Amino acid sequence: MKIKRTKKEIVTDILEAIDNKTNRISAIMRYVNLSSSVAKKYLKILIQNGLVEEKNYEYTLTEKGKKVLELLREE
């Protein structure tokens, strides 16, 4: 039986991946176990909310993204 992750769990997993220097879309997809379309959708939302930056096809956490990840880790 497959257990569906919450949006919050997926966001946390993506932020963790990027924090662990998994910076390219294909590596993030493997790390978080997401399809390309779902990974791109979440990354777009994270960029729009100022948590992630994309430069030369590599993703990095912003200061805000690092703070949000810290809060998510504490929950």
PDB file of N, CA and C in Angstrom:
ATOM      1  N   MET A   1       0.839  -1.186   0.000  1.00  0.00           N
ATOM      2  CA  MET A   1       0.000   0.000   0.000  1.00  0.00           C
ATOM      3  C   MET A   1       0.883   1.247   0.000  1.00  0.00           C
ATOM      4  N   LYS A   2       0.557   2.181  -0.863  1.00  0.00           N
ATOM      5  CA  LYS A   2       1.332   3.397  -1.011  1.00  0.00           C
ATOM      6  C   LYS A   2       0.774   4.479  -0.086  1.00  0.00           C
ATOM      7  N   ILE A   3       1.652   5.096   0.679  1.00  0.00           N
ATOM      8  CA  ILE A   3       1.224   6.175   1.570  1.00  0.00           C
ATOM      9  C   ILE A   3       1.500   7.505   0.863  1.00  0.00           C
ATOM     10  N   LYS A   4       0.476   8.310   0.735  1.00  0.00           N
ATOM     11  CA  LYS A   4       0.598   9.584   0.050  1.00  0.00           C
ATOM     12  C   LYS A   4       1.187  10.630   1.004  1.00  0.00           C
ATOM     13  N   ARG A   5       2.184  11.348   0.517  1.00  0.00           N
ATOM     14  CA  ARG A   5       2.794  12.405   1.330  1.00  0.00           C
ATOM     15  C   ARG A   5       1.960  13.670   1.259  1.00  0.00           C
ATOM     16  N   THR A   6       2.041  14.449   2.325  1.00  0.00           N
ATOM     17  CA  THR A   6       1.353  15.739   2.323  1.00  0.00           C
ATOM     18  C   THR A   6       2.191  16.745   1.534  1.00  0.00           C
ATOM     19  N   LYS A   7       1.564  17.854   1.155  1.00  0.00           N
ATOM     20  CA  LYS A   7       2.292  18.923   0.455  1.00  0.00           C
ATOM     21  C   LYS A   7       3.440  19.425   1.325  1.00  0.00           C
ATOM     22  N   LYS A   8       3.175  19.526   2.615  1.00  0.00           N
ATOM     23  CA  LYS A   8       4.203  19.995   3.551  1.00  0.00           C
ATOM     24  C   LYS A   8       5.398  19.044   3.580  1.00  0.00           C
ATOM     25  N   GLU A   9       5.139  17.744   3.548  1.00  0.00           N
ATOM     26  CA  GLU A   9       6.225  16.755   3.537  1.00  0.00           C
ATOM     27  C   GLU A   9       7.036  16.855   2.244  1.00  0.00           C
ATOM     28  N   ILE A  10       6.357  17.065   1.137  1.00  0.00           N
ATOM     29  CA  ILE A  10       7.056  17.193  -0.147  1.00  0.00           C
ATOM     30  C   ILE A  10       7.917  18.450  -0.155  1.00  0.00           C
ATOM     31  N   VAL A  11       7.358  19.560   0.321  1.00  0.00           N
ATOM     32  CA  VAL A  11       8.119  20.816   0.390  1.00  0.00           C
ATOM     33  C   VAL A  11       9.346  20.625   1.281  1.00  0.00           C
ATOM     34  N   THR A  12       9.155  19.995   2.437  1.00  0.00           N
ATOM     35  CA  THR A  12      10.278  19.746   3.349  1.00  0.00           C
ATOM     36  C   THR A  12      11.338  18.894   2.670  1.00  0.00           C
ATOM     37  N   ASP A  13      10.920  17.843   1.973  1.00  0.00           N
ATOM     38  CA  ASP A  13      11.861  16.962   1.283  1.00  0.00           C
ATOM     39  C   ASP A  13      12.645  17.717   0.208  1.00  0.00           C
ATOM     40  N   ILE A  14      11.983  18.577  -0.532  1.00  0.00           N
ATOM     41  CA  ILE A  14      12.662  19.355  -1.584  1.00  0.00           C
ATOM     42  C   ILE A  14      13.666  20.322  -0.954  1.00  0.00           C
ATOM     43  N   LEU A  15      13.252  21.025   0.089  1.00  0.00           N
ATOM     44  CA  LEU A  15      14.171  21.962   0.763  1.00  0.00           C
ATOM     45  C   LEU A  15      15.371  21.206   1.346  1.00  0.00           C
ATOM     46  N   GLU A  16      15.121  20.039   1.923  1.00  0.00           N
ATOM     47  CA  GLU A  16      16.209  19.204   2.461  1.00  0.00           C
ATOM     48  C   GLU A  16      17.176  18.797   1.344  1.00  0.00           C
ATOM     49  N   ALA A  17      16.616  18.388   0.213  1.00  0.00           N
ATOM     50  CA  ALA A  17      17.446  17.966  -0.923  1.00  0.00           C
ATOM     51  C   ALA A  17      18.365  19.100  -1.357  1.00  0.00           C
ATOM     52  N   ILE A  18      17.798  20.282  -1.518  1.00  0.00           N
ATOM     53  CA  ILE A  18      18.581  21.434  -1.968  1.00  0.00           C
ATOM     54  C   ILE A  18      19.617  21.811  -0.908  1.00  0.00           C
ATOM     55  N   ASP A  19      19.224  21.737   0.356  1.00  0.00           N
ATOM     56  CA  ASP A  19      20.156  22.032   1.446  1.00  0.00           C
ATOM     57  C   ASP A  19      21.314  21.039   1.465  1.00  0.00           C
ATOM     58  N   ASN A  20      21.063  19.814   1.021  1.00  0.00           N
ATOM     59  CA  ASN A  20      22.102  18.773   0.960  1.00  0.00           C
ATOM     60  C   ASN A  20      22.874  18.805  -0.359  1.00  0.00           C
ATOM     61  N   LYS A  21      22.848  19.937  -1.029  1.00  0.00           N
ATOM     62  CA  LYS A  21      23.593  20.173  -2.272  1.00  0.00           C
ATOM     63  C   LYS A  21      23.108  19.322  -3.437  1.00  0.00           C
ATOM     64  N   THR A  22      21.841  18.911  -3.371  1.00  0.00           N
ATOM     65  CA  THR A  22      21.210  18.254  -4.511  1.00  0.00           C
ATOM     66  C   THR A  22      20.543  19.387  -5.278  1.00  0.00           C
ATOM     67  N   ASN A  23      21.246  19.948  -6.274  1.00  0.00           N
ATOM     68  CA  ASN A  23      20.847  21.227  -6.841  1.00  0.00           C
ATOM     69  C   ASN A  23      20.219  21.190  -8.227  1.00  0.00           C
ATOM     70  N   ARG A  24      20.304  20.075  -8.914  1.00  0.00           N
ATOM     71  CA  ARG A  24      19.739  20.011 -10.270  1.00  0.00           C
ATOM     72  C   ARG A  24      18.397  19.301 -10.242  1.00  0.00           C
ATOM     73  N   ILE A  25      17.536  19.661 -11.178  1.00  0.00           N
ATOM     74  CA  ILE A  25      16.167  19.128 -11.187  1.00  0.00           C
ATOM     75  C   ILE A  25      16.151  17.603 -11.200  1.00  0.00           C
ATOM     76  N   SER A  26      16.986  16.960 -12.017  1.00  0.00           N
ATOM     77  CA  SER A  26      16.971  15.496 -12.099  1.00  0.00           C
ATOM     78  C   SER A  26      17.386  14.863 -10.771  1.00  0.00           C
ATOM     79  N   ALA A  27      18.362  15.451 -10.104  1.00  0.00           N
ATOM     80  CA  ALA A  27      18.813  14.919  -8.810  1.00  0.00           C
ATOM     81  C   ALA A  27      17.750  15.136  -7.735  1.00  0.00           C
ATOM     82  N   ILE A  28      17.099  16.282  -7.773  1.00  0.00           N
ATOM     83  CA  ILE A  28      16.016  16.572  -6.812  1.00  0.00           C
ATOM     84  C   ILE A  28      14.879  15.570  -7.019  1.00  0.00           C
ATOM     85  N   MET A  29      14.526  15.316  -8.264  1.00  0.00           N
ATOM     86  CA  MET A  29      13.455  14.356  -8.576  1.00  0.00           C
ATOM     87  C   MET A  29      13.768  12.981  -7.986  1.00  0.00           C
ATOM     88  N   ARG A  30      15.011  12.526  -8.153  1.00  0.00           N
ATOM     89  CA  ARG A  30      15.411  11.217  -7.606  1.00  0.00           C
ATOM     90  C   ARG A  30      15.421  11.248  -6.079  1.00  0.00           C
ATOM     91  N   TYR A  31      15.998  12.278  -5.503  1.00  0.00           N
ATOM     92  CA  TYR A  31      16.130  12.402  -4.048  1.00  0.00           C
ATOM     93  C   TYR A  31      14.765  12.400  -3.364  1.00  0.00           C
ATOM     94  N   VAL A  32      13.817  13.122  -3.968  1.00  0.00           N
ATOM     95  CA  VAL A  32      12.499  13.298  -3.349  1.00  0.00           C
ATOM     96  C   VAL A  32      11.466  12.307  -3.918  1.00  0.00           C
ATOM     97  N   ASN A  33      11.852  11.583  -4.972  1.00  0.00           N
ATOM     98  CA  ASN A  33      10.978  10.604  -5.620  1.00  0.00           C
ATOM     99  C   ASN A  33       9.720  11.255  -6.194  1.00  0.00           C
ATOM    100  N   LEU A  34       9.935  12.223  -7.081  1.00  0.00           N
ATOM    101  CA  LEU A  34       8.839  12.930  -7.746  1.00  0.00           C
ATOM    102  C   LEU A  34       9.006  12.849  -9.253  1.00  0.00           C
ATOM    103  N   SER A  35       7.897  12.966  -9.956  1.00  0.00           N
ATOM    104  CA  SER A  35       7.957  13.064 -11.417  1.00  0.00           C
ATOM    105  C   SER A  35       8.468  14.453 -11.782  1.00  0.00           C
ATOM    106  N   SER A  36       8.871  14.600 -13.009  1.00  0.00           N
ATOM    107  CA  SER A  36       9.377  15.880 -13.497  1.00  0.00           C
ATOM    108  C   SER A  36       8.339  16.989 -13.351  1.00  0.00           C
ATOM    109  N   SER A  37       7.109  16.713 -13.770  1.00  0.00           N
ATOM    110  CA  SER A  37       6.073  17.756 -13.735  1.00  0.00           C
ATOM    111  C   SER A  37       5.757  18.194 -12.311  1.00  0.00           C
ATOM    112  N   VAL A  38       5.706  17.240 -11.375  1.00  0.00           N
ATOM    113  CA  VAL A  38       5.401  17.579  -9.978  1.00  0.00           C
ATOM    114  C   VAL A  38       6.572  18.350  -9.367  1.00  0.00           C
ATOM    115  N   ALA A  39       7.790  17.897  -9.617  1.00  0.00           N
ATOM    116  CA  ALA A  39       8.972  18.588  -9.086  1.00  0.00           C
ATOM    117  C   ALA A  39       9.024  20.027  -9.594  1.00  0.00           C
ATOM    118  N   LYS A  40       8.776  20.221 -10.882  1.00  0.00           N
ATOM    119  CA  LYS A  40       8.806  21.566 -11.463  1.00  0.00           C
ATOM    120  C   LYS A  40       7.723  22.457 -10.859  1.00  0.00           C
ATOM    121  N   LYS A  41       6.538  21.881 -10.633  1.00  0.00           N
ATOM    122  CA  LYS A  41       5.433  22.641 -10.043  1.00  0.00           C
ATOM    123  C   LYS A  41       5.818  23.137  -8.645  1.00  0.00           C
ATOM    124  N   TYR A  42       6.354  22.245  -7.829  1.00  0.00           N
ATOM    125  CA  TYR A  42       6.744  22.630  -6.469  1.00  0.00           C
ATOM    126  C   TYR A  42       7.900  23.629  -6.475  1.00  0.00           C
ATOM    127  N   LEU A  43       8.881  23.415  -7.338  1.00  0.00           N
ATOM    128  CA  LEU A  43      10.013  24.349  -7.398  1.00  0.00           C
ATOM    129  C   LEU A  43       9.552  25.737  -7.823  1.00  0.00           C
ATOM    130  N   LYS A  44       8.612  25.793  -8.750  1.00  0.00           N
ATOM    131  CA  LYS A  44       8.071  27.087  -9.186  1.00  0.00           C
ATOM    132  C   LYS A  44       7.415  27.814  -8.008  1.00  0.00           C
ATOM    133  N   ILE A  45       6.634  27.081  -7.219  1.00  0.00           N
ATOM    134  CA  ILE A  45       5.969  27.665  -6.047  1.00  0.00           C
ATOM    135  C   ILE A  45       7.012  28.141  -5.029  1.00  0.00           C
ATOM    136  N   LEU A  46       8.042  27.323  -4.798  1.00  0.00           N
ATOM    137  CA  LEU A  46       9.084  27.692  -3.831  1.00  0.00           C
ATOM    138  C   LEU A  46       9.848  28.936  -4.287  1.00  0.00           C
ATOM    139  N   ILE A  47      10.070  29.051  -5.590  1.00  0.00           N
ATOM    140  CA  ILE A  47      10.739  30.246  -6.133  1.00  0.00           C
ATOM    141  C   ILE A  47       9.830  31.464  -5.971  1.00  0.00           C
ATOM    142  N   GLN A  48       8.549  31.319  -6.310  1.00  0.00           N
ATOM    143  CA  GLN A  48       7.601  32.432  -6.197  1.00  0.00           C
ATOM    144  C   GLN A  48       7.478  32.932  -4.756  1.00  0.00           C
ATOM    145  N   ASN A  49       7.661  32.025  -3.792  1.00  0.00           N
ATOM    146  CA  ASN A  49       7.555  32.395  -2.388  1.00  0.00           C
ATOM    147  C   ASN A  49       8.896  32.803  -1.776  1.00  0.00           C
ATOM    148  N   GLY A  50       9.923  32.889  -2.614  1.00  0.00           N
ATOM    149  CA  GLY A  50      11.213  33.385  -2.150  1.00  0.00           C
ATOM    150  C   GLY A  50      12.007  32.415  -1.292  1.00  0.00           C
ATOM    151  N   LEU A  51      11.715  31.118  -1.398  1.00  0.00           N
ATOM    152  CA  LEU A  51      12.441  30.129  -0.591  1.00  0.00           C
ATOM    153  C   LEU A  51      13.616  29.514  -1.349  1.00  0.00           C
ATOM    154  N   VAL A  52      13.506  29.521  -2.677  1.00  0.00           N
ATOM    155  CA  VAL A  52      14.510  28.894  -3.535  1.00  0.00           C
ATOM    156  C   VAL A  52      14.835  29.843  -4.679  1.00  0.00           C
ATOM    157  N   GLU A  53      16.111  29.824  -5.094  1.00  0.00           N
ATOM    158  CA  GLU A  53      16.538  30.585  -6.272  1.00  0.00           C
ATOM    159  C   GLU A  53      17.041  29.594  -7.310  1.00  0.00           C
ATOM    160  N   GLU A  54      16.866  29.969  -8.582  1.00  0.00           N
ATOM    161  CA  GLU A  54      17.365  29.120  -9.666  1.00  0.00           C
ATOM    162  C   GLU A  54      18.301  29.954 -10.526  1.00  0.00           C
ATOM    163  N   LYS A  55      19.504  29.437 -10.713  1.00  0.00           N
ATOM    164  CA  LYS A  55      20.493  30.123 -11.546  1.00  0.00           C
ATOM    165  C   LYS A  55      21.272  29.056 -12.304  1.00  0.00           C
ATOM    166  N   ASN A  56      21.331  29.188 -13.617  1.00  0.00           N
ATOM    167  CA  ASN A  56      22.036  28.213 -14.462  1.00  0.00           C
ATOM    168  C   ASN A  56      21.568  26.777 -14.201  1.00  0.00           C
ATOM    169  N   TYR A  57      20.252  26.607 -14.074  1.00  0.00           N
ATOM    170  CA  TYR A  57      19.623  25.295 -13.861  1.00  0.00           C
ATOM    171  C   TYR A  57      19.998  24.649 -12.531  1.00  0.00           C
ATOM    172  N   GLU A  58      20.509  25.443 -11.595  1.00  0.00           N
ATOM    173  CA  GLU A  58      20.818  24.919 -10.267  1.00  0.00           C
ATOM    174  C   GLU A  58      19.992  25.676  -9.237  1.00  0.00           C
ATOM    175  N   TYR A  59      19.501  24.929  -8.270  1.00  0.00           N
ATOM    176  CA  TYR A  59      18.642  25.502  -7.244  1.00  0.00           C
ATOM    177  C   TYR A  59      19.409  25.652  -5.936  1.00  0.00           C
ATOM    178  N   THR A  60      19.188  26.787  -5.269  1.00  0.00           N
ATOM    179  CA  THR A  60      19.789  27.028  -3.959  1.00  0.00           C
ATOM    180  C   THR A  60      18.725  27.605  -3.037  1.00  0.00           C
ATOM    181  N   LEU A  61      18.925  27.402  -1.738  1.00  0.00           N
ATOM    182  CA  LEU A  61      18.002  27.976  -0.757  1.00  0.00           C
ATOM    183  C   LEU A  61      18.352  29.443  -0.536  1.00  0.00           C
ATOM    184  N   THR A  62      17.338  30.258  -0.390  1.00  0.00           N
ATOM    185  CA  THR A  62      17.536  31.651   0.010  1.00  0.00           C
ATOM    186  C   THR A  62      17.633  31.665   1.539  1.00  0.00           C
ATOM    187  N   GLU A  63      17.938  32.822   2.104  1.00  0.00           N
ATOM    188  CA  GLU A  63      17.958  32.931   3.570  1.00  0.00           C
ATOM    189  C   GLU A  63      16.582  32.566   4.139  1.00  0.00           C
ATOM    190  N   LYS A  64      15.536  33.048   3.471  1.00  0.00           N
ATOM    191  CA  LYS A  64      14.170  32.730   3.899  1.00  0.00           C
ATOM    192  C   LYS A  64      13.929  31.226   3.822  1.00  0.00           C
ATOM    193  N   GLY A  65      14.405  30.589   2.767  1.00  0.00           N
ATOM    194  CA  GLY A  65      14.258  29.145   2.609  1.00  0.00           C
ATOM    195  C   GLY A  65      14.959  28.378   3.714  1.00  0.00           C
ATOM    196  N   LYS A  66      16.147  28.853   4.109  1.00  0.00           N
ATOM    197  CA  LYS A  66      16.890  28.202   5.203  1.00  0.00           C
ATOM    198  C   LYS A  66      16.122  28.318   6.513  1.00  0.00           C
ATOM    199  N   LYS A  67      15.532  29.496   6.757  1.00  0.00           N
ATOM    200  CA  LYS A  67      14.763  29.702   7.994  1.00  0.00           C
ATOM    201  C   LYS A  67      13.517  28.820   8.016  1.00  0.00           C
ATOM    202  N   VAL A  68      12.823  28.731   6.879  1.00  0.00           N
ATOM    203  CA  VAL A  68      11.620  27.887   6.794  1.00  0.00           C
ATOM    204  C   VAL A  68      11.998  26.422   7.023  1.00  0.00           C
ATOM    205  N   LEU A  69      13.113  25.978   6.440  1.00  0.00           N
ATOM    206  CA  LEU A  69      13.555  24.597   6.629  1.00  0.00           C
ATOM    207  C   LEU A  69      13.851  24.331   8.103  1.00  0.00           C
ATOM    208  N   GLU A  70      14.506  25.275   8.769  1.00  0.00           N
ATOM    209  CA  GLU A  70      14.769  25.122  10.214  1.00  0.00           C
ATOM    210  C   GLU A  70      13.454  24.927  10.982  1.00  0.00           C
ATOM    211  N   LEU A  71      12.452  25.744  10.659  1.00  0.00           N
ATOM    212  CA  LEU A  71      11.156  25.629  11.333  1.00  0.00           C
ATOM    213  C   LEU A  71      10.496  24.289  11.045  1.00  0.00           C
ATOM    214  N   LEU A  72      10.565  23.832   9.815  1.00  0.00           N
ATOM    215  CA  LEU A  72       9.976  22.542   9.446  1.00  0.00           C
ATOM    216  C   LEU A  72      10.678  21.384  10.159  1.00  0.00           C
ATOM    217  N   ARG A  73      11.984  21.507  10.344  1.00  0.00           N
ATOM    218  CA  ARG A  73      12.752  20.452  11.033  1.00  0.00           C
ATOM    219  C   ARG A  73      12.358  20.364  12.503  1.00  0.00           C
ATOM    220  N   GLU A  74      11.957  21.483  13.078  1.00  0.00           N
ATOM    221  CA  GLU A  74      11.613  21.522  14.504  1.00  0.00           C
ATOM    222  C   GLU A  74      10.233  20.922  14.798  1.00  0.00           C
ATOM    223  N   GLU A  75       9.389  20.812  13.787  1.00  0.00           N
ATOM    224  CA  GLU A  75       8.023  20.308  14.003  1.00  0.00           C
ATOM    225  C   GLU A  75       7.990  18.819  14.286  1.00  0.00           C
TER     226      GLU A  75
END
